């Protein structure tokens, strides 16, 4: 493409084309990751070995939470490009669910680390503590705690904003909807408290497992590696909280690339961490890998047989037609 064709392209058309390909990239990544996560959920539902084990229940809760968070963040991203402004009442629903799903992730990781600690350091009490019932109670507590991180802001918004605000349209982002200084300070405080508690939980469980497993058995090594992976994913979760600082620094250095910086940070902060759970936990686990491979192989074989049957059915009319023509021309 020559220089004249680039110069003849209007800024409006360039911005429209840019919005289209960015939204296409985000949508394709969202569908691909959710398809992998959906396969994990299907595998979980089909086998009792998974849905009767607290460890797998917590894992699949993490996967479902990632699917919800990724879908909502992708929807909000597309809305910001296509509509620019959005109804406050509808935006509130999407934001509250997205914020709760984001807050759930570190809490779920802490719960998974505690389960590993109980299995290695308290094996005689594992069956009594880590039951399916207690696991569902823990998941309910996770959602209750995450709701406490945003619901006070919602009630404050109802008390301080006029009714006309809820029928107006704004940019669908947390800072533009929850605008009070109290909400901003509480958000930062809740993030700090949550991350500190989760990091302390991970460090405590890791070192207790490290010192308790003097024989360095295979289970203890796997548990330590699993908690290290929890820490790695928690680092990825922390990117959500430091994203504004990275964005401000990069925009200061590259003011002309504001839109590209915003898009790149969105992909690395919101999408890439959602890809870690199915790859690191699902495919790393031997049981999940075995059943997923069997399920995927069955799907491939069924697809191959379906194509072969279609090919055979397509050739049968052609053969009968040739036979009919031969019979008509036969003297």
C-alpha atoms as a PDB file:
ATOM      1  CA  UNK A   1       0.000   0.000   0.000  1.00  0.00           C
ATOM      2  CA  UNK A   2       1.446   3.367  -1.011  1.00  0.00           C
ATOM      3  CA  UNK A   3       1.634   6.587   0.966  1.00  0.00           C
ATOM      4  CA  UNK A   4      -1.125   8.321  -0.961  1.00  0.00           C
ATOM      5  CA  UNK A   5      -3.662   5.626  -0.104  1.00  0.00           C
ATOM      6  CA  UNK A   6      -2.777   5.946   3.559  1.00  0.00           C
ATOM      7  CA  UNK A   7      -3.153   9.694   3.459  1.00  0.00           C
ATOM      8  CA  UNK A   8      -6.494   9.448   1.703  1.00  0.00           C
ATOM      9  CA  UNK A   9      -7.950   7.309   4.488  1.00  0.00           C
ATOM     10  CA  UNK A  10     -10.007   9.464   6.789  1.00  0.00           C
ATOM     11  CA  UNK A  11      -9.479   9.335  10.585  1.00  0.00           C
ATOM     12  CA  UNK A  12     -13.082   8.239  11.008  1.00  0.00           C
ATOM     13  CA  UNK A  13     -12.645   5.203   8.744  1.00  0.00           C
ATOM     14  CA  UNK A  14      -9.364   4.318  10.434  1.00  0.00           C
ATOM     15  CA  UNK A  15     -10.945   4.510  13.882  1.00  0.00           C
ATOM     16  CA  UNK A  16     -13.894   2.407  12.705  1.00  0.00           C
ATOM     17  CA  UNK A  17     -11.606  -0.245  11.194  1.00  0.00           C
ATOM     18  CA  UNK A  18      -9.488  -0.220  14.353  1.00  0.00           C
ATOM     19  CA  UNK A  19     -12.548  -0.713  16.553  1.00  0.00           C
ATOM     20  CA  UNK A  20     -13.740  -3.582  14.348  1.00  0.00           C
ATOM     21  CA  UNK A  21     -10.524  -5.602  14.388  1.00  0.00           C
ATOM     22  CA  UNK A  22      -9.964  -5.011  18.119  1.00  0.00           C
ATOM     23  CA  UNK A  23     -13.474  -6.187  18.929  1.00  0.00           C
ATOM     24  CA  UNK A  24     -13.033  -9.187  16.621  1.00  0.00           C
ATOM     25  CA  UNK A  25      -9.781 -10.157  18.368  1.00  0.00           C
ATOM     26  CA  UNK A  26     -11.354  -9.840  21.808  1.00  0.00           C
ATOM     27  CA  UNK A  27     -14.470 -11.779  20.796  1.00  0.00           C
ATOM     28  CA  UNK A  28     -12.475 -14.623  19.219  1.00  0.00           C
ATOM     29  CA  UNK A  29     -10.265 -14.937  22.298  1.00  0.00           C
ATOM     30  CA  UNK A  30     -13.331 -14.898  24.565  1.00  0.00           C
ATOM     31  CA  UNK A  31     -15.077 -17.631  22.565  1.00  0.00           C
ATOM     32  CA  UNK A  32     -11.936 -19.797  22.383  1.00  0.00           C
ATOM     33  CA  UNK A  33     -11.186 -19.597  26.111  1.00  0.00           C
ATOM     34  CA  UNK A  34     -14.819 -20.123  27.068  1.00  0.00           C
ATOM     35  CA  UNK A  35     -14.953 -23.164  24.767  1.00  0.00           C
ATOM     36  CA  UNK A  36     -11.999 -24.722  26.607  1.00  0.00           C
ATOM     37  CA  UNK A  37     -13.565 -23.865  29.945  1.00  0.00           C
ATOM     38  CA  UNK A  38     -16.893 -25.261  28.752  1.00  0.00           C
ATOM     39  CA  UNK A  39     -15.163 -28.530  27.888  1.00  0.00           C
ATOM     40  CA  UNK A  40     -13.744 -28.662  31.412  1.00  0.00           C
ATOM     41  CA  UNK A  41     -17.208 -28.092  32.888  1.00  0.00           C
ATOM     42  CA  UNK A  42     -18.720 -30.780  30.644  1.00  0.00           C
ATOM     43  CA  UNK A  43     -16.010 -33.225  31.704  1.00  0.00           C
ATOM     44  CA  UNK A  44     -16.641 -32.335  35.353  1.00  0.00           C
ATOM     45  CA  UNK A  45     -20.387 -32.960  35.072  1.00  0.00           C
ATOM     46  CA  UNK A  46     -20.037 -36.320  33.317  1.00  0.00           C
ATOM     47  CA  UNK A  47     -17.878 -38.087  35.922  1.00  0.00           C
ATOM     48  CA  UNK A  48     -18.637 -38.630  39.598  1.00  0.00           C
ATOM     49  CA  UNK A  49     -14.941 -38.670  40.481  1.00  0.00           C
ATOM     50  CA  UNK A  50     -14.946 -34.915  39.934  1.00  0.00           C
ATOM     51  CA  UNK A  51     -18.210 -33.598  41.347  1.00  0.00           C
ATOM     52  CA  UNK A  52     -17.795 -35.614  44.551  1.00  0.00           C
ATOM     53  CA  UNK A  53     -14.286 -34.239  45.214  1.00  0.00           C
ATOM     54  CA  UNK A  54     -13.996 -30.829  46.978  1.00  0.00           C
ATOM     55  CA  UNK A  55     -10.746 -30.034  45.166  1.00  0.00           C
ATOM     56  CA  UNK A  56     -12.343 -30.372  41.754  1.00  0.00           C
ATOM     57  CA  UNK A  57     -15.466 -28.515  42.891  1.00  0.00           C
ATOM     58  CA  UNK A  58     -13.351 -25.503  43.883  1.00  0.00           C
ATOM     59  CA  UNK A  59     -11.461 -25.739  40.623  1.00  0.00           C
ATOM     60  CA  UNK A  60     -14.601 -25.834  38.491  1.00  0.00           C
ATOM     61  CA  UNK A  61     -16.011 -22.924  40.505  1.00  0.00           C
ATOM     62  CA  UNK A  62     -12.880 -20.997  39.550  1.00  0.00           C
ATOM     63  CA  UNK A  63     -13.399 -21.957  35.898  1.00  0.00           C
ATOM     64  CA  UNK A  64     -17.064 -20.895  35.912  1.00  0.00           C
ATOM     65  CA  UNK A  65     -16.134 -17.635  37.641  1.00  0.00           C
ATOM     66  CA  UNK A  66     -13.498 -16.988  34.962  1.00  0.00           C
ATOM     67  CA  UNK A  67     -16.081 -17.600  32.246  1.00  0.00           C
ATOM     68  CA  UNK A  68     -18.464 -15.112  33.851  1.00  0.00           C
ATOM     69  CA  UNK A  69     -15.744 -12.517  34.363  1.00  0.00           C
ATOM     70  CA  UNK A  70     -14.373 -12.906  30.830  1.00  0.00           C
ATOM     71  CA  UNK A  71     -17.826 -12.712  29.225  1.00  0.00           C
ATOM     72  CA  UNK A  72     -18.800  -9.592  31.173  1.00  0.00           C
ATOM     73  CA  UNK A  73     -15.486  -7.820  30.597  1.00  0.00           C
ATOM     74  CA  UNK A  74     -15.676  -8.599  26.870  1.00  0.00           C
ATOM     75  CA  UNK A  75     -19.234  -7.283  26.733  1.00  0.00           C
ATOM     76  CA  UNK A  76     -18.207  -4.098  28.546  1.00  0.00           C
ATOM     77  CA  UNK A  77     -15.245  -3.709  26.187  1.00  0.00           C
ATOM     78  CA  UNK A  78     -17.460  -4.021  23.109  1.00  0.00           C
ATOM     79  CA  UNK A  79     -19.987  -1.590  24.591  1.00  0.00           C
ATOM     80  CA  UNK A  80     -17.256   0.979  25.217  1.00  0.00           C
ATOM     81  CA  UNK A  81     -16.228   0.816  21.540  1.00  0.00           C
ATOM     82  CA  UNK A  82     -19.637   0.612  19.904  1.00  0.00           C
ATOM     83  CA  UNK A  83     -21.991   2.618  22.120  1.00  0.00           C
ATOM     84  CA  UNK A  84     -19.481   4.796  23.978  1.00  0.00           C
ATOM     85  CA  UNK A  85     -22.173   5.707  26.546  1.00  0.00           C
ATOM     86  CA  UNK A  86     -24.580   3.247  28.126  1.00  0.00           C
ATOM     87  CA  UNK A  87     -27.629   3.329  30.390  1.00  0.00           C
ATOM     88  CA  UNK A  88     -26.586   3.636  34.028  1.00  0.00           C
ATOM     89  CA  UNK A  89     -29.130   1.098  35.291  1.00  0.00           C
ATOM     90  CA  UNK A  90     -27.975  -1.584  32.823  1.00  0.00           C
ATOM     91  CA  UNK A  91     -24.343  -0.669  33.358  1.00  0.00           C
ATOM     92  CA  UNK A  92     -24.735  -1.109  37.119  1.00  0.00           C
ATOM     93  CA  UNK A  93     -25.863  -4.710  36.723  1.00  0.00           C
ATOM     94  CA  UNK A  94     -22.919  -5.591  34.473  1.00  0.00           C
ATOM     95  CA  UNK A  95     -20.392  -3.767  36.652  1.00  0.00           C
ATOM     96  CA  UNK A  96     -21.560  -5.333  39.918  1.00  0.00           C
ATOM     97  CA  UNK A  97     -21.372  -8.859  38.505  1.00  0.00           C
ATOM     98  CA  UNK A  98     -17.984  -8.189  36.873  1.00  0.00           C
ATOM     99  CA  UNK A  99     -16.509  -6.697  40.062  1.00  0.00           C
ATOM    100  CA  UNK A 100     -17.774  -9.591  42.172  1.00  0.00           C
ATOM    101  CA  UNK A 101     -16.372 -12.146  39.714  1.00  0.00           C
ATOM    102  CA  UNK A 102     -13.000 -10.372  39.722  1.00  0.00           C
ATOM    103  CA  UNK A 103     -12.950 -10.319  43.538  1.00  0.00           C
ATOM    104  CA  UNK A 104     -13.860 -14.028  43.677  1.00  0.00           C
ATOM    105  CA  UNK A 105     -10.680 -15.210  41.966  1.00  0.00           C
ATOM    106  CA  UNK A 106      -8.106 -14.544  44.738  1.00  0.00           C
ATOM    107  CA  UNK A 107     -10.524 -15.804  47.386  1.00  0.00           C
ATOM    108  CA  UNK A 108     -11.063 -19.035  45.448  1.00  0.00           C
ATOM    109  CA  UNK A 109      -7.295 -19.474  45.089  1.00  0.00           C
ATOM    110  CA  UNK A 110      -6.919 -19.109  48.856  1.00  0.00           C
ATOM    111  CA  UNK A 111      -9.596 -21.774  49.386  1.00  0.00           C
ATOM    112  CA  UNK A 112      -7.813 -24.165  47.031  1.00  0.00           C
ATOM    113  CA  UNK A 113      -4.522 -23.584  48.877  1.00  0.00           C
ATOM    114  CA  UNK A 114      -6.152 -24.342  52.239  1.00  0.00           C
ATOM    115  CA  UNK A 115      -7.580 -27.577  50.813  1.00  0.00           C
ATOM    116  CA  UNK A 116      -4.078 -28.634  49.727  1.00  0.00           C
ATOM    117  CA  UNK A 117      -2.745 -27.792  53.190  1.00  0.00           C
ATOM    118  CA  UNK A 118      -5.403 -29.893  54.917  1.00  0.00           C
ATOM    119  CA  UNK A 119      -4.799 -32.824  52.549  1.00  0.00           C
ATOM    120  CA  UNK A 120      -1.028 -32.880  53.218  1.00  0.00           C
ATOM    121  CA  UNK A 121      -0.650 -31.623  56.794  1.00  0.00           C
ATOM    122  CA  UNK A 122      -3.924 -32.924  58.283  1.00  0.00           C
ATOM    123  CA  UNK A 123      -4.663 -36.073  56.264  1.00  0.00           C
ATOM    124  CA  UNK A 124      -6.665 -37.738  59.055  1.00  0.00           C
ATOM    125  CA  UNK A 125      -9.030 -34.769  59.243  1.00  0.00           C
ATOM    126  CA  UNK A 126      -9.289 -34.151  55.494  1.00  0.00           C
ATOM    127  CA  UNK A 127     -12.408 -36.283  54.988  1.00  0.00           C
ATOM    128  CA  UNK A 128     -14.147 -34.527  57.884  1.00  0.00           C
ATOM    129  CA  UNK A 129     -13.141 -30.945  57.017  1.00  0.00           C
ATOM    130  CA  UNK A 130     -13.118 -30.969  53.222  1.00  0.00           C
ATOM    131  CA  UNK A 131     -16.573 -32.320  52.482  1.00  0.00           C
ATOM    132  CA  UNK A 132     -18.802 -31.433  49.554  1.00  0.00           C
ATOM    133  CA  UNK A 133     -21.193 -29.620  51.900  1.00  0.00           C
ATOM    134  CA  UNK A 134     -18.403 -27.529  53.452  1.00  0.00           C
ATOM    135  CA  UNK A 135     -17.093 -26.750  49.979  1.00  0.00           C
ATOM    136  CA  UNK A 136     -20.426 -25.300  48.894  1.00  0.00           C
ATOM    137  CA  UNK A 137     -20.562 -23.305  52.143  1.00  0.00           C
ATOM    138  CA  UNK A 138     -17.110 -21.910  51.348  1.00  0.00           C
ATOM    139  CA  UNK A 139     -18.213 -20.966  47.837  1.00  0.00           C
ATOM    140  CA  UNK A 140     -21.242 -19.168  49.288  1.00  0.00           C
ATOM    141  CA  UNK A 141     -18.973 -17.274  51.697  1.00  0.00           C
ATOM    142  CA  UNK A 142     -16.729 -16.277  48.788  1.00  0.00           C
ATOM    143  CA  UNK A 143     -19.687 -14.709  46.985  1.00  0.00           C
ATOM    144  CA  UNK A 144     -20.843 -12.993  50.176  1.00  0.00           C
ATOM    145  CA  UNK A 145     -17.414 -11.463  50.785  1.00  0.00           C
ATOM    146  CA  UNK A 146     -17.127 -10.318  47.172  1.00  0.00           C
ATOM    147  CA  UNK A 147     -20.564  -8.723  47.398  1.00  0.00           C
ATOM    148  CA  UNK A 148     -19.376  -6.737  50.433  1.00  0.00           C
ATOM    149  CA  UNK A 149     -16.710  -5.174  48.228  1.00  0.00           C
ATOM    150  CA  UNK A 150     -19.263  -3.482  45.943  1.00  0.00           C
ATOM    151  CA  UNK A 151     -22.735  -3.468  47.512  1.00  0.00           C
ATOM    152  CA  UNK A 152     -21.946  -0.621  49.990  1.00  0.00           C
ATOM    153  CA  UNK A 153     -20.963   1.483  46.976  1.00  0.00           C
ATOM    154  CA  UNK A 154     -24.257   0.611  45.317  1.00  0.00           C
ATOM    155  CA  UNK A 155     -26.317   1.634  48.357  1.00  0.00           C
ATOM    156  CA  UNK A 156     -24.283   4.830  48.676  1.00  0.00           C
ATOM    157  CA  UNK A 157     -25.022   5.549  45.034  1.00  0.00           C
ATOM    158  CA  UNK A 158     -28.760   5.089  45.658  1.00  0.00           C
ATOM    159  CA  UNK A 159     -28.600   7.466  48.603  1.00  0.00           C
ATOM    160  CA  UNK A 160     -26.531  10.246  47.049  1.00  0.00           C
ATOM    161  CA  UNK A 161     -27.390  10.354  43.353  1.00  0.00           C
ATOM    162  CA  UNK A 162     -30.698  11.747  41.991  1.00  0.00           C
ATOM    163  CA  UNK A 163     -33.112   9.477  40.148  1.00  0.00           C
ATOM    164  CA  UNK A 164     -32.279  11.202  36.882  1.00  0.00           C
ATOM    165  CA  UNK A 165     -28.744   9.806  37.125  1.00  0.00           C
ATOM    166  CA  UNK A 166     -30.015   6.211  36.834  1.00  0.00           C
ATOM    167  CA  UNK A 167     -31.880   7.028  33.605  1.00  0.00           C
ATOM    168  CA  UNK A 168     -28.938   8.881  32.076  1.00  0.00           C
ATOM    169  CA  UNK A 169     -26.118   7.464  29.961  1.00  0.00           C
ATOM    170  CA  UNK A 170     -22.440   7.384  30.946  1.00  0.00           C
ATOM    171  CA  UNK A 171     -19.248   5.615  29.960  1.00  0.00           C
ATOM    172  CA  UNK A 172     -19.740   2.152  31.459  1.00  0.00           C
ATOM    173  CA  UNK A 173     -16.719   2.038  33.772  1.00  0.00           C
ATOM    174  CA  UNK A 174     -16.477   1.825  37.551  1.00  0.00           C
ATOM    175  CA  UNK A 175     -14.904   5.250  38.048  1.00  0.00           C
ATOM    176  CA  UNK A 176     -17.634   6.934  35.988  1.00  0.00           C
ATOM    177  CA  UNK A 177     -20.524   5.240  37.814  1.00  0.00           C
ATOM    178  CA  UNK A 178     -19.273   5.037  41.416  1.00  0.00           C
ATOM    179  CA  UNK A 179     -17.957   8.582  41.491  1.00  0.00           C
ATOM    180  CA  UNK A 180     -17.760   9.389  45.199  1.00  0.00           C
ATOM    181  CA  UNK A 181     -14.370   9.740  46.879  1.00  0.00           C
ATOM    182  CA  UNK A 182     -15.522   7.245  49.522  1.00  0.00           C
ATOM    183  CA  UNK A 183     -16.039   4.557  46.872  1.00  0.00           C
ATOM    184  CA  UNK A 184     -12.577   5.136  45.432  1.00  0.00           C
ATOM    185  CA  UNK A 185     -10.886   4.937  48.843  1.00  0.00           C
ATOM    186  CA  UNK A 186     -12.903   1.876  49.885  1.00  0.00           C
ATOM    187  CA  UNK A 187     -12.065   0.139  46.605  1.00  0.00           C
ATOM    188  CA  UNK A 188      -8.323   0.577  47.160  1.00  0.00           C
ATOM    189  CA  UNK A 189      -8.585  -0.471  50.808  1.00  0.00           C
ATOM    190  CA  UNK A 190     -10.616  -3.608  50.016  1.00  0.00           C
ATOM    191  CA  UNK A 191      -8.146  -4.616  47.293  1.00  0.00           C
ATOM    192  CA  UNK A 192      -5.178  -4.204  49.630  1.00  0.00           C
ATOM    193  CA  UNK A 193      -6.803  -6.125  52.501  1.00  0.00           C
ATOM    194  CA  UNK A 194      -7.924  -8.945  50.180  1.00  0.00           C
ATOM    195  CA  UNK A 195      -4.529  -9.363  48.531  1.00  0.00           C
ATOM    196  CA  UNK A 196      -2.628  -9.217  51.814  1.00  0.00           C
ATOM    197  CA  UNK A 197      -4.855 -11.898  53.386  1.00  0.00           C
ATOM    198  CA  UNK A 198      -4.639 -14.136  50.319  1.00  0.00           C
ATOM    199  CA  UNK A 199      -0.849 -13.778  50.096  1.00  0.00           C
ATOM    200  CA  UNK A 200      -0.505 -14.602  53.798  1.00  0.00           C
ATOM    201  CA  UNK A 201      -2.691 -17.680  53.276  1.00  0.00           C
ATOM    202  CA  UNK A 202      -0.610 -18.866  50.325  1.00  0.00           C
ATOM    203  CA  UNK A 203       2.696 -18.300  52.110  1.00  0.00           C
ATOM    204  CA  UNK A 204       1.488 -20.006  55.297  1.00  0.00           C
ATOM    205  CA  UNK A 205       0.137 -23.067  53.500  1.00  0.00           C
ATOM    206  CA  UNK A 206       3.216 -23.344  51.263  1.00  0.00           C
ATOM    207  CA  UNK A 207       5.748 -23.291  54.118  1.00  0.00           C
ATOM    208  CA  UNK A 208       3.657 -25.572  56.311  1.00  0.00           C
ATOM    209  CA  UNK A 209       3.530 -28.106  53.486  1.00  0.00           C
ATOM    210  CA  UNK A 210       7.263 -27.578  52.863  1.00  0.00           C
ATOM    211  CA  UNK A 211       8.224 -28.283  56.489  1.00  0.00           C
ATOM    212  CA  UNK A 212       5.645 -31.007  57.082  1.00  0.00           C
ATOM    213  CA  UNK A 213       6.656 -33.091  54.051  1.00  0.00           C
ATOM    214  CA  UNK A 214      10.170 -34.060  55.182  1.00  0.00           C
ATOM    215  CA  UNK A 215      10.075 -37.203  53.103  1.00  0.00           C
ATOM    216  CA  UNK A 216       9.354 -35.185  49.945  1.00  0.00           C
ATOM    217  CA  UNK A 217       6.677 -37.539  48.716  1.00  0.00           C
ATOM    218  CA  UNK A 218       5.067 -37.132  45.329  1.00  0.00           C
ATOM    219  CA  UNK A 219       1.845 -35.730  46.785  1.00  0.00           C
ATOM    220  CA  UNK A 220       3.678 -33.091  48.823  1.00  0.00           C
ATOM    221  CA  UNK A 221       5.736 -32.011  45.828  1.00  0.00           C
ATOM    222  CA  UNK A 222       2.596 -31.718  43.738  1.00  0.00           C
ATOM    223  CA  UNK A 223       0.873 -29.734  46.497  1.00  0.00           C
ATOM    224  CA  UNK A 224       3.803 -27.310  46.757  1.00  0.00           C
ATOM    225  CA  UNK A 225       3.874 -26.845  42.998  1.00  0.00           C
ATOM    226  CA  UNK A 226       0.115 -26.278  42.989  1.00  0.00           C
ATOM    227  CA  UNK A 227       0.390 -23.521  45.606  1.00  0.00           C
ATOM    228  CA  UNK A 228       3.212 -21.934  43.617  1.00  0.00           C
ATOM    229  CA  UNK A 229       0.867 -21.908  40.645  1.00  0.00           C
ATOM    230  CA  UNK A 230      -1.762 -20.291  42.852  1.00  0.00           C
ATOM    231  CA  UNK A 231       0.781 -17.592  43.629  1.00  0.00           C
ATOM    232  CA  UNK A 232       1.529 -17.120  39.935  1.00  0.00           C
ATOM    233  CA  UNK A 233      -2.140 -16.720  39.129  1.00  0.00           C
ATOM    234  CA  UNK A 234      -2.547 -14.335  42.045  1.00  0.00           C
ATOM    235  CA  UNK A 235       0.225 -12.202  40.539  1.00  0.00           C
ATOM    236  CA  UNK A 236      -1.789 -12.111  37.323  1.00  0.00           C
ATOM    237  CA  UNK A 237      -4.858 -11.099  39.329  1.00  0.00           C
ATOM    238  CA  UNK A 238      -2.887  -8.248  40.872  1.00  0.00           C
ATOM    239  CA  UNK A 239      -2.422  -6.782  37.414  1.00  0.00           C
ATOM    240  CA  UNK A 240      -6.088  -5.767  37.597  1.00  0.00           C
ATOM    241  CA  UNK A 241      -5.365  -3.568  40.601  1.00  0.00           C
ATOM    242  CA  UNK A 242      -2.142  -1.986  39.276  1.00  0.00           C
ATOM    243  CA  UNK A 243      -3.524  -1.542  35.758  1.00  0.00           C
ATOM    244  CA  UNK A 244      -4.378   2.180  36.237  1.00  0.00           C
ATOM    245  CA  UNK A 245      -0.788   2.968  37.293  1.00  0.00           C
ATOM    246  CA  UNK A 246       0.652   1.103  34.293  1.00  0.00           C
ATOM    247  CA  UNK A 247      -1.800   2.868  32.010  1.00  0.00           C
ATOM    248  CA  UNK A 248      -0.932   6.335  33.319  1.00  0.00           C
ATOM    249  CA  UNK A 249       2.811   5.665  33.020  1.00  0.00           C
ATOM    250  CA  UNK A 250       2.562   4.314  29.471  1.00  0.00           C
ATOM    251  CA  UNK A 251       0.241   7.118  28.337  1.00  0.00           C
ATOM    252  CA  UNK A 252       2.717   9.640  29.769  1.00  0.00           C
ATOM    253  CA  UNK A 253       5.528   8.043  27.737  1.00  0.00           C
ATOM    254  CA  UNK A 254       3.446   7.428  24.592  1.00  0.00           C
ATOM    255  CA  UNK A 255       0.585   9.950  24.557  1.00  0.00           C
ATOM    256  CA  UNK A 256      -0.230   9.271  20.885  1.00  0.00           C
ATOM    257  CA  UNK A 257      -0.847   5.564  21.518  1.00  0.00           C
ATOM    258  CA  UNK A 258      -3.534   5.888  24.189  1.00  0.00           C
ATOM    259  CA  UNK A 259      -6.055   3.607  22.449  1.00  0.00           C
ATOM    260  CA  UNK A 260      -3.439   0.915  21.691  1.00  0.00           C
ATOM    261  CA  UNK A 261      -2.166   1.003  25.286  1.00  0.00           C
ATOM    262  CA  UNK A 262      -5.696   0.630  26.606  1.00  0.00           C
ATOM    263  CA  UNK A 263      -6.360  -2.339  24.318  1.00  0.00           C
ATOM    264  CA  UNK A 264      -3.037  -4.086  25.071  1.00  0.00           C
ATOM    265  CA  UNK A 265      -3.521  -3.729  28.827  1.00  0.00           C
ATOM    266  CA  UNK A 266      -7.047  -5.068  28.529  1.00  0.00           C
ATOM    267  CA  UNK A 267      -5.841  -8.203  26.710  1.00  0.00           C
ATOM    268  CA  UNK A 268      -2.961  -8.886  29.116  1.00  0.00           C
ATOM    269  CA  UNK A 269      -4.882  -8.059  32.299  1.00  0.00           C
ATOM    270  CA  UNK A 270      -8.408  -9.336  31.608  1.00  0.00           C
ATOM    271  CA  UNK A 271      -8.043 -12.098  28.989  1.00  0.00           C
ATOM    272  CA  UNK A 272      -4.644 -13.786  29.379  1.00  0.00           C
ATOM    273  CA  UNK A 273      -5.105 -14.631  33.113  1.00  0.00           C
ATOM    274  CA  UNK A 274      -8.421 -16.331  32.265  1.00  0.00           C
ATOM    275  CA  UNK A 275      -6.442 -18.644  29.963  1.00  0.00           C
ATOM    276  CA  UNK A 276      -4.216 -19.824  32.823  1.00  0.00           C
ATOM    277  CA  UNK A 277      -6.814 -21.806  34.796  1.00  0.00           C
ATOM    278  CA  UNK A 278      -7.740 -24.382  32.115  1.00  0.00           C
ATOM    279  CA  UNK A 279      -4.153 -24.819  30.936  1.00  0.00           C
ATOM    280  CA  UNK A 280      -2.306 -24.898  34.257  1.00  0.00           C
ATOM    281  CA  UNK A 281      -4.883 -26.683  36.414  1.00  0.00           C
ATOM    282  CA  UNK A 282      -7.124 -28.605  34.027  1.00  0.00           C
ATOM    283  CA  UNK A 283      -4.581 -30.065  31.614  1.00  0.00           C
ATOM    284  CA  UNK A 284      -1.966 -30.481  34.354  1.00  0.00           C
ATOM    285  CA  UNK A 285      -4.210 -32.758  36.397  1.00  0.00           C
ATOM    286  CA  UNK A 286      -3.899 -36.386  35.308  1.00  0.00           C
ATOM    287  CA  UNK A 287      -7.559 -37.271  35.847  1.00  0.00           C
ATOM    288  CA  UNK A 288      -8.860 -34.249  33.983  1.00  0.00           C
ATOM    289  CA  UNK A 289      -6.354 -34.773  31.183  1.00  0.00           C
ATOM    290  CA  UNK A 290      -7.329 -38.432  30.817  1.00  0.00           C
ATOM    291  CA  UNK A 291     -11.069 -37.814  30.628  1.00  0.00           C
ATOM    292  CA  UNK A 292     -10.738 -34.704  28.461  1.00  0.00           C
ATOM    293  CA  UNK A 293      -8.539 -36.576  26.001  1.00  0.00           C
ATOM    294  CA  UNK A 294     -11.093 -39.380  25.860  1.00  0.00           C
ATOM    295  CA  UNK A 295     -13.927 -36.888  25.339  1.00  0.00           C
ATOM    296  CA  UNK A 296     -12.075 -34.920  22.653  1.00  0.00           C
ATOM    297  CA  UNK A 297     -11.039 -38.118  20.848  1.00  0.00           C
ATOM    298  CA  UNK A 298     -14.665 -39.292  20.843  1.00  0.00           C
ATOM    299  CA  UNK A 299     -15.734 -35.950  19.374  1.00  0.00           C
ATOM    300  CA  UNK A 300     -13.080 -36.210  16.634  1.00  0.00           C
ATOM    301  CA  UNK A 301     -14.056 -39.812  15.816  1.00  0.00           C
ATOM    302  CA  UNK A 302     -17.762 -38.937  15.738  1.00  0.00           C
ATOM    303  CA  UNK A 303     -17.034 -35.997  13.465  1.00  0.00           C
ATOM    304  CA  UNK A 304     -14.950 -38.196  11.158  1.00  0.00           C
ATOM    305  CA  UNK A 305     -17.666 -40.853  10.984  1.00  0.00           C
ATOM    306  CA  UNK A 306     -20.291 -38.197  10.288  1.00  0.00           C
ATOM    307  CA  UNK A 307     -18.262 -36.829   7.384  1.00  0.00           C
ATOM    308  CA  UNK A 308     -17.680 -40.337   6.013  1.00  0.00           C
ATOM    309  CA  UNK A 309     -21.399 -41.132   6.221  1.00  0.00           C
ATOM    310  CA  UNK A 310     -22.241 -37.916   4.412  1.00  0.00           C
ATOM    311  CA  UNK A 311     -19.703 -38.725   1.718  1.00  0.00           C
ATOM    312  CA  UNK A 312     -21.174 -42.223   1.261  1.00  0.00           C
ATOM    313  CA  UNK A 313     -24.727 -40.876   1.117  1.00  0.00           C
ATOM    314  CA  UNK A 314     -23.669 -38.310  -1.495  1.00  0.00           C
ATOM    315  CA  UNK A 315     -22.071 -40.938  -3.716  1.00  0.00           C
ATOM    316  CA  UNK A 316     -25.055 -43.311  -3.618  1.00  0.00           C
ATOM    317  CA  UNK A 317     -27.400 -41.089  -5.711  1.00  0.00           C
ATOM    318  CA  UNK A 318     -24.649 -40.536  -8.239  1.00  0.00           C
ATOM    319  CA  UNK A 319     -24.067 -44.274  -8.618  1.00  0.00           C
ATOM    320  CA  UNK A 320     -27.797 -45.007  -8.960  1.00  0.00           C
ATOM    321  CA  UNK A 321     -28.133 -42.225 -11.528  1.00  0.00           C
ATOM    322  CA  UNK A 322     -25.303 -43.672 -13.598  1.00  0.00           C
ATOM    323  CA  UNK A 323     -26.921 -47.137 -13.421  1.00  0.00           C
ATOM    324  CA  UNK A 324     -30.249 -45.707 -14.521  1.00  0.00           C
ATOM    325  CA  UNK A 325     -28.688 -43.957 -17.506  1.00  0.00           C
ATOM    326  CA  UNK A 326     -26.819 -47.119 -18.455  1.00  0.00           C
ATOM    327  CA  UNK A 327     -30.057 -49.110 -18.381  1.00  0.00           C
ATOM    328  CA  UNK A 328     -31.819 -46.552 -20.591  1.00  0.00           C
ATOM    329  CA  UNK A 329     -29.062 -46.580 -23.234  1.00  0.00           C
ATOM    330  CA  UNK A 330     -28.721 -50.367 -23.194  1.00  0.00           C
ATOM    331  CA  UNK A 331     -30.238 -51.902 -26.444  1.00  0.00           C
END
